[in-house]
Amino acid sequence: MSKYPHGLFSWTDISLPDPAAGASFYSELFGWEAEDQRDPDGNYIYTMFRKDGKDAAGMGQLPAEMQNQGIPPMWLSYVTVDDLDGAVATIEANGGSTVVPAMDVMTAGRMAIVADPHGATVALWQAGDHAGCGVFGEHGALTWNELMTRDPQAAMDFWGSTLGWGFQKMESPMDYWVVTLDGKAADAPYAEDNANGGIMPMDDSFPAEIPPHWMVYFHVDDTDAVAAKLTELGGTVSVPAFDTPAGRIAVLGDPQGGTFSVIAPPSPEAGSEG
């Protein structure tokens, strides 16, 4: 894909204390190839995960000062914007905040990390040479980005006014909203003119110390097999596999504490039940 449209999620990466161990873990789990990027002096900068030569996700080093503050690793969701500086200004004007100011990432593009008024962080990406993910609808591909928040309406008001998102309430027993672009909800992951995100309320089952946050989802062929493989590799299953109309989901953790979800397409039986 040469360029993602404004407002569409386009990339994800994680910062880990031990990138080398992370590269081994995720390559084994998702079948990714890891390519380290280094400066002219040989110092580590970033790892690009690829699938069959196409960009799938990224990884960096979690700074020591963040580790000392007890800040855990986390997968970061990136949203493409046409004008990074303008988007940051709009977010700040509507009560959001800038966590990492706008900066150039060599020739790849420009990025900033921002937070909504309740503290959920997301990255904004103005593409240069790097548009974002090039892997879709297959094992190990980023497929969904979900905001978990205690105030869904406030979140929708904020993101609707800052990124121009619309929201479509799902017809289901639980409250859930799909982020839309141009009034369209995603019929398939990463449809170019649609959305690939959702909003889900955090109820009383979530401990009070867990803040609002974005969760990334990776497409997998078999959720249960991936959860079993992850356990063999030293990871943890935070939420065991369960079926939804969208597919079979599990919430997982890597050995260094990074949390993510996986989803396999629904079986015909699950689809008929939904």
Protein backbone atom coordinates (compact mmCIF):
# COMPACT_ATOMS: atom_id res chain seq x y z
CA MET A 1 0.00 0.00 0.00
CA SER A 2 1.49 3.36 -1.02
CA LYS A 3 -0.42 5.41 1.54
CA TYR A 4 -3.08 4.93 4.16
CA PRO A 5 -5.96 7.41 4.30
CA HIS A 6 -6.21 9.95 7.10
CA GLY A 7 -7.68 8.41 10.25
CA LEU A 8 -6.88 4.77 9.51
CA PHE A 9 -4.73 2.66 11.82
CA SER A 10 -1.62 1.73 9.89
CA TRP A 11 1.16 0.42 12.14
CA THR A 12 2.09 -0.98 15.53
CA ASP A 13 5.29 -1.45 17.47
CA ILE A 14 6.48 -2.34 20.94
CA SER A 15 9.41 -1.27 23.11
CA LEU A 16 10.99 -4.06 25.15
CA PRO A 17 13.81 -4.19 27.72
CA ASP A 18 15.49 -6.98 25.72
CA PRO A 19 14.84 -6.55 21.99
CA ALA A 20 16.95 -9.57 21.04
CA ALA A 21 14.79 -11.85 23.18
CA GLY A 22 11.69 -10.13 21.82
CA ALA A 23 12.79 -10.73 18.25
CA SER A 24 13.25 -14.43 18.93
CA PHE A 25 9.88 -14.73 20.69
CA TYR A 26 7.74 -12.93 18.14
CA SER A 27 9.50 -14.45 15.15
CA GLU A 28 8.76 -17.90 16.51
CA LEU A 29 5.17 -17.04 17.44
CA PHE A 30 4.05 -15.29 14.26
CA GLY A 31 6.53 -16.50 11.66
CA TRP A 32 8.03 -13.02 11.30
CA GLU A 33 11.53 -12.27 10.07
CA ALA A 34 13.37 -9.77 12.30
CA GLU A 35 15.75 -7.23 10.77
CA ASP A 36 17.68 -4.97 13.14
CA GLN A 37 18.38 -1.39 12.10
CA ARG A 38 21.59 0.17 13.45
CA ASP A 39 23.35 3.52 13.25
CA PRO A 40 26.76 3.92 11.52
CA ASP A 41 28.49 3.04 14.82
CA GLY A 42 26.57 -0.21 15.10
CA ASN A 43 24.27 0.91 17.90
CA TYR A 44 20.82 -0.66 17.92
CA ILE A 45 17.97 1.61 16.74
CA TYR A 46 14.92 -0.49 15.83
CA THR A 47 13.78 -3.90 14.63
CA MET A 48 11.53 -4.31 11.63
CA PHE A 49 9.39 -7.45 11.65
CA ARG A 50 8.53 -8.70 8.18
CA LYS A 51 6.39 -11.48 6.74
CA ASP A 52 7.51 -12.74 3.34
CA GLY A 53 9.48 -9.53 2.93
CA LYS A 54 6.56 -7.22 3.77
CA ASP A 55 6.50 -4.96 6.83
CA ALA A 56 4.33 -6.40 9.63
CA ALA A 57 5.27 -4.61 12.88
CA GLY A 58 8.19 -3.01 14.69
CA MET A 59 10.12 -3.11 17.95
CA GLY A 60 12.40 -0.77 19.87
CA GLN A 61 14.34 -0.64 23.12
CA LEU A 62 12.42 0.33 26.26
CA PRO A 63 14.58 3.07 27.82
CA ALA A 64 16.17 2.28 31.18
CA GLU A 65 14.55 5.31 32.81
CA MET A 66 11.11 4.03 31.83
CA GLN A 67 11.96 0.59 33.17
CA ASN A 68 13.10 2.17 36.46
CA GLN A 69 9.77 4.01 36.69
CA GLY A 70 7.94 0.71 36.39
CA ILE A 71 6.49 1.55 32.96
CA PRO A 72 5.67 -1.78 31.30
CA PRO A 73 6.20 -2.67 27.63
CA MET A 74 3.16 -2.00 25.49
CA TRP A 75 2.13 -2.34 21.89
CA LEU A 76 1.51 1.12 20.43
CA SER A 77 -1.16 1.73 17.78
CA TYR A 78 -0.39 4.24 15.00
CA VAL A 79 -3.01 6.29 13.14
CA THR A 80 -2.13 7.85 9.80
CA VAL A 81 -2.75 11.60 9.52
CA ASP A 82 -2.30 13.94 6.58
CA ASP A 83 -0.93 16.82 8.70
CA LEU A 84 0.85 15.76 11.88
CA ASP A 85 1.35 19.21 13.36
CA GLY A 86 -2.25 20.15 12.65
CA ALA A 87 -3.55 16.92 14.21
CA VAL A 88 -1.46 17.43 17.36
CA ALA A 89 -2.71 21.01 17.70
CA THR A 90 -6.32 19.88 17.31
CA ILE A 91 -5.87 17.17 19.94
CA GLU A 92 -4.39 19.64 22.42
CA ALA A 93 -7.14 22.19 21.70
CA ASN A 94 -9.77 19.56 22.53
CA GLY A 95 -8.32 18.55 25.89
CA GLY A 96 -5.84 15.90 24.82
CA SER A 97 -2.12 16.03 25.50
CA THR A 98 1.17 15.40 23.77
CA VAL A 99 3.24 12.60 25.30
CA VAL A 100 6.07 12.63 22.73
CA PRO A 101 6.32 15.79 20.57
CA ALA A 102 6.28 15.58 16.78
CA MET A 103 9.57 14.40 15.36
CA ASP A 104 11.10 13.15 12.14
CA VAL A 105 11.89 9.43 11.87
CA MET A 106 14.63 9.79 9.29
CA THR A 107 12.93 9.58 5.89
CA ALA A 108 10.30 7.06 7.05
CA GLY A 109 7.88 9.75 8.21
CA ARG A 110 6.96 11.96 11.15
CA MET A 111 5.35 10.83 14.39
CA ALA A 112 4.01 12.02 17.72
CA ILE A 113 2.48 10.19 20.65
CA VAL A 114 -0.68 11.75 22.06
CA ALA A 115 -3.21 10.95 24.76
CA ASP A 116 -6.94 11.52 25.02
CA PRO A 117 -8.30 13.37 28.10
CA HIS A 118 -8.55 10.05 29.98
CA GLY A 119 -4.93 9.09 29.28
CA ALA A 120 -5.19 6.47 26.53
CA THR A 121 -2.17 6.91 24.26
CA VAL A 122 -1.90 6.46 20.52
CA ALA A 123 0.73 7.42 17.95
CA LEU A 124 0.05 9.67 14.98
CA TRP A 125 1.96 8.96 11.77
CA GLN A 126 2.51 11.20 8.77
CA ALA A 127 4.00 8.83 6.24
CA GLY A 128 7.17 9.43 4.29
CA ASP A 129 8.93 6.41 2.83
CA HIS A 130 7.13 4.08 5.26
CA ALA A 131 3.35 3.89 4.77
CA GLY A 132 2.73 1.23 7.42
CA CYS A 133 1.80 -2.43 7.46
CA GLY A 134 2.09 -4.34 4.22
CA VAL A 135 0.69 -7.64 5.54
CA PHE A 136 -3.07 -8.17 5.67
CA GLY A 137 -5.51 -10.94 6.51
CA GLU A 138 -2.95 -13.61 7.29
CA HIS A 139 -1.25 -15.15 10.30
CA GLY A 140 0.78 -12.49 12.11
CA ALA A 141 -0.87 -9.46 10.49
CA LEU A 142 -2.12 -6.50 12.52
CA THR A 143 -5.88 -6.58 12.09
CA TRP A 144 -7.64 -4.50 14.77
CA ASN A 145 -7.08 -1.73 17.33
CA GLU A 146 -9.45 -1.40 20.27
CA LEU A 147 -9.86 1.35 22.85
CA MET A 148 -10.80 0.10 26.31
CA THR A 149 -12.26 3.03 28.24
CA ARG A 150 -14.55 3.75 31.18
CA ASP A 151 -16.26 6.60 29.32
CA PRO A 152 -17.00 5.52 25.74
CA GLN A 153 -19.15 8.55 24.93
CA ALA A 154 -16.44 10.99 26.00
CA ALA A 155 -13.92 9.03 23.94
CA MET A 156 -16.17 9.11 20.87
CA ASP A 157 -16.76 12.85 21.29
CA PHE A 158 -13.02 13.46 21.55
CA TRP A 159 -11.79 11.27 18.71
CA GLY A 160 -14.69 12.25 16.49
CA SER A 161 -13.81 15.92 16.84
CA THR A 162 -10.05 15.45 16.46
CA LEU A 163 -9.61 12.73 13.82
CA GLY A 164 -13.00 12.92 12.14
CA TRP A 165 -13.99 9.41 13.11
CA GLY A 166 -17.57 8.23 13.05
CA PHE A 167 -18.92 5.42 15.20
CA GLN A 168 -21.31 2.59 14.49
CA LYS A 169 -22.85 0.71 17.42
CA MET A 170 -22.77 -3.03 16.95
CA GLU A 171 -25.92 -5.10 17.30
CA SER A 172 -24.78 -7.36 20.12
CA PRO A 173 -25.57 -8.09 23.78
CA MET A 174 -22.59 -5.99 24.89
CA ASP A 175 -21.94 -2.34 24.12
CA TYR A 176 -19.39 -1.99 21.32
CA TRP A 177 -18.73 0.69 18.71
CA VAL A 178 -16.79 0.32 15.48
CA VAL A 179 -14.75 3.30 14.37
CA THR A 180 -15.80 4.39 10.89
CA LEU A 181 -14.33 6.54 8.15
CA ASP A 182 -16.69 8.33 5.78
CA GLY A 183 -19.60 6.60 7.47
CA LYS A 184 -18.38 3.11 6.59
CA ALA A 185 -17.57 0.36 9.07
CA ALA A 186 -14.92 -2.19 8.26
CA ASP A 187 -16.26 -5.22 6.44
CA ALA A 188 -12.74 -6.66 6.25
CA PRO A 189 -9.47 -5.78 7.99
CA TYR A 190 -7.69 -2.81 6.49
CA ALA A 191 -10.16 -2.01 3.74
CA GLU A 192 -8.57 1.17 2.43
CA ASP A 193 -11.59 3.44 2.79
CA ASN A 194 -12.94 1.91 5.99
CA ALA A 195 -11.84 1.63 9.61
CA ASN A 196 -9.99 -0.93 11.66
CA GLY A 197 -10.72 0.09 15.21
CA GLY A 198 -13.32 -0.18 17.93
CA ILE A 199 -14.32 1.11 21.37
CA MET A 200 -15.30 -1.12 24.27
CA PRO A 201 -16.38 -0.05 27.78
CA MET A 202 -14.28 -1.06 30.78
CA ASP A 203 -16.72 -2.39 33.37
CA ASP A 204 -16.21 -3.15 37.06
CA SER A 205 -14.38 -6.37 36.21
CA PHE A 206 -11.33 -4.27 35.28
CA PRO A 207 -9.15 -3.41 38.28
CA ALA A 208 -9.18 0.31 39.06
CA GLU A 209 -5.42 0.56 38.51
CA ILE A 210 -5.74 -0.45 34.84
CA PRO A 211 -6.03 2.81 32.88
CA PRO A 212 -7.85 3.34 29.58
CA HIS A 213 -5.71 1.91 26.80
CA TRP A 214 -5.56 0.72 23.20
CA MET A 215 -5.23 -3.01 22.53
CA VAL A 216 -3.74 -4.37 19.30
CA TYR A 217 -5.06 -7.53 17.67
CA PHE A 218 -3.08 -9.81 15.38
CA HIS A 219 -4.76 -12.14 12.89
CA VAL A 220 -3.93 -15.81 13.49
CA ASP A 221 -4.97 -19.06 11.85
CA ASP A 222 -5.69 -20.86 15.14
CA THR A 223 -6.12 -18.97 18.41
CA ASP A 224 -5.75 -22.02 20.65
CA ALA A 225 -2.61 -23.20 18.88
CA VAL A 226 -1.03 -19.75 19.19
CA ALA A 227 -1.88 -19.58 22.90
CA ALA A 228 -0.30 -23.00 23.43
CA LYS A 229 2.79 -22.00 21.44
CA LEU A 230 3.09 -18.77 23.40
CA THR A 231 3.06 -20.71 26.68
CA GLU A 232 5.84 -22.97 25.38
CA LEU A 233 7.87 -19.85 24.55
CA GLY A 234 7.48 -18.44 28.06
CA GLY A 235 4.53 -16.12 27.53
CA THR A 236 1.33 -15.95 29.56
CA VAL A 237 -2.33 -16.31 28.66
CA SER A 238 -4.15 -13.38 30.32
CA VAL A 239 -7.60 -14.26 28.95
CA PRO A 240 -8.12 -17.78 27.56
CA ALA A 241 -9.59 -18.21 24.09
CA PHE A 242 -13.28 -17.41 23.70
CA ASP A 243 -15.64 -17.13 20.75
CA THR A 244 -17.30 -13.94 19.51
CA PRO A 245 -19.21 -13.15 16.30
CA ALA A 246 -16.01 -11.53 15.02
CA GLY A 247 -13.84 -14.56 15.71
CA ARG A 248 -12.03 -16.54 18.41
CA ILE A 249 -10.02 -14.21 20.64
CA ALA A 250 -7.37 -14.58 23.36
CA VAL A 251 -5.46 -11.94 25.31
CA LEU A 252 -1.79 -12.85 25.63
CA GLY A 253 1.42 -11.56 27.18
CA ASP A 254 4.99 -11.92 25.97
CA PRO A 255 7.72 -12.97 28.46
CA GLN A 256 8.68 -9.32 29.04
CA GLY A 257 5.17 -8.13 29.85
CA GLY A 258 3.87 -6.80 26.53
CA THR A 259 0.13 -7.49 26.18
CA PHE A 260 -1.69 -8.09 22.90
CA SER A 261 -4.69 -9.97 21.54
CA VAL A 262 -5.03 -12.50 18.76
CA ILE A 263 -8.11 -13.31 16.72
CA ALA A 264 -8.87 -16.14 14.31
CA PRO A 265 -11.75 -15.95 11.82
CA PRO A 266 -15.01 -17.31 13.24
CA SER A 267 -15.93 -20.89 12.59
CA PRO A 268 -19.17 -21.48 10.67
CA GLU A 269 -20.76 -22.63 13.93
CA ALA A 270 -19.75 -19.44 15.77
CA GLY A 271 -20.89 -17.30 12.88
CA SER A 272 -24.33 -18.93 12.82
CA GLU A 273 -24.68 -18.32 16.56
CA GLY A 274 -23.81 -14.62 16.16
